[in-house]
Amino acid sequence: MQTPAQPNDTDAESTAVVLRCISRLSPLERLQADSRLSDRGRRLALAAIRNRHPDADETEIRLRYSELAHRQTLATHVRSWLKEREGQHA
């Protein structure tokens, strides 16, 4: 396993403990832990977006999340597609 850079907010001893714990996990357990952390981060980001934009609908909230997670390119593409689709249904 490649040694990651020392985090700015954690002392070296604590980092070593965490890395030892991670090294004891199987590849599947690491994947599961990564998935849980990613899901928690996504939920926290969505909650923060909802808090900052209380009048936004669910589509706008997801687009704003996409801008954070995947840069603006995907969100811009989806917004254009939604506008086109609305024009076809008008």
Protein backbone atom coordinates (compact mmCIF):
# COMPACT_ATOMS: atom_id res chain seq x y z
CA MET A 1 0.00 0.00 0.00
CA GLN A 2 1.35 3.42 -0.95
CA THR A 3 1.88 5.71 2.05
CA PRO A 4 -0.36 8.78 1.82
CA ALA A 5 0.83 12.28 2.64
CA GLN A 6 0.56 13.37 6.25
CA PRO A 7 -2.79 15.19 6.78
CA ASN A 8 -2.53 18.77 8.00
CA ASP A 9 -5.12 18.26 10.74
CA THR A 10 -3.80 15.01 12.27
CA ASP A 11 -0.61 14.29 14.19
CA ALA A 12 1.77 11.63 12.89
CA GLU A 13 1.02 9.14 15.68
CA SER A 14 -2.73 9.26 15.04
CA THR A 15 -2.15 8.90 11.31
CA ALA A 16 -0.02 5.82 11.95
CA VAL A 17 -2.80 4.23 14.04
CA VAL A 18 -5.38 4.89 11.32
CA LEU A 19 -3.09 3.47 8.63
CA ARG A 20 -2.46 0.33 10.70
CA CYS A 21 -6.21 -0.16 11.10
CA ILE A 22 -6.79 0.32 7.38
CA SER A 23 -3.98 -2.08 6.52
CA ARG A 24 -5.75 -4.81 8.49
CA LEU A 25 -8.89 -4.52 6.36
CA SER A 26 -9.51 -6.82 3.45
CA PRO A 27 -9.90 -5.20 0.01
CA LEU A 28 -13.67 -5.70 0.27
CA GLU A 29 -13.79 -4.07 3.71
CA ARG A 30 -11.78 -1.12 2.36
CA LEU A 31 -14.22 -0.76 -0.53
CA GLN A 32 -17.17 -0.87 1.88
CA ALA A 33 -15.58 1.73 4.17
CA ASP A 34 -14.84 3.96 1.19
CA SER A 35 -18.43 3.64 0.02
CA ARG A 36 -19.79 4.56 3.46
CA LEU A 37 -17.51 7.60 3.71
CA SER A 38 -18.42 8.73 0.20
CA ASP A 39 -22.12 8.36 0.97
CA ARG A 40 -21.78 10.35 4.19
CA GLY A 41 -19.88 13.09 2.39
CA ARG A 42 -22.52 13.24 -0.34
CA ARG A 43 -25.35 13.46 2.22
CA LEU A 44 -23.54 16.23 4.12
CA ALA A 45 -22.94 18.17 0.91
CA LEU A 46 -26.60 17.83 -0.14
CA ALA A 47 -27.75 18.98 3.32
CA ALA A 48 -25.46 22.03 3.11
CA ILE A 49 -26.81 22.89 -0.36
CA ARG A 50 -30.41 22.57 0.87
CA ASN A 51 -29.55 24.83 3.80
CA ARG A 52 -27.98 27.49 1.54
CA HIS A 53 -30.75 27.27 -1.08
CA PRO A 54 -34.00 26.56 0.81
CA ASP A 55 -36.18 27.44 -2.20
CA ALA A 56 -34.32 25.16 -4.63
CA ASP A 57 -36.16 22.11 -5.93
CA GLU A 58 -34.58 18.65 -5.83
CA THR A 59 -33.29 18.92 -9.41
CA GLU A 60 -31.50 22.19 -8.67
CA ILE A 61 -30.04 20.75 -5.48
CA ARG A 62 -28.69 17.74 -7.41
CA LEU A 63 -27.28 20.02 -10.12
CA ARG A 64 -25.51 22.14 -7.51
CA TYR A 65 -24.08 18.96 -5.98
CA SER A 66 -22.92 17.85 -9.42
CA GLU A 67 -21.09 21.15 -9.81
CA LEU A 68 -19.21 20.42 -6.58
CA ALA A 69 -18.50 16.76 -7.25
CA HIS A 70 -18.02 16.71 -11.03
CA ARG A 71 -17.24 20.30 -11.95
CA GLN A 72 -19.65 22.47 -13.85
CA THR A 73 -19.46 20.62 -17.17
CA LEU A 74 -21.99 17.93 -16.28
CA ALA A 75 -24.38 20.34 -14.54
CA THR A 76 -24.21 22.75 -17.49
CA HIS A 77 -24.97 19.91 -19.91
CA VAL A 78 -27.95 18.76 -17.82
CA ARG A 79 -29.32 22.30 -17.48
CA SER A 80 -29.16 22.73 -21.28
CA TRP A 81 -30.88 19.37 -21.76
CA LEU A 82 -33.64 20.33 -19.29
CA LYS A 83 -34.24 23.65 -21.08
CA GLU A 84 -34.48 21.85 -24.42
CA ARG A 85 -36.89 19.31 -22.97
CA GLU A 86 -39.06 22.05 -21.44
CA GLY A 87 -39.20 23.78 -24.84
CA GLN A 88 -40.46 20.58 -26.44
CA HIS A 89 -43.23 20.22 -23.85
CA ALA A 90 -44.36 23.86 -24.00
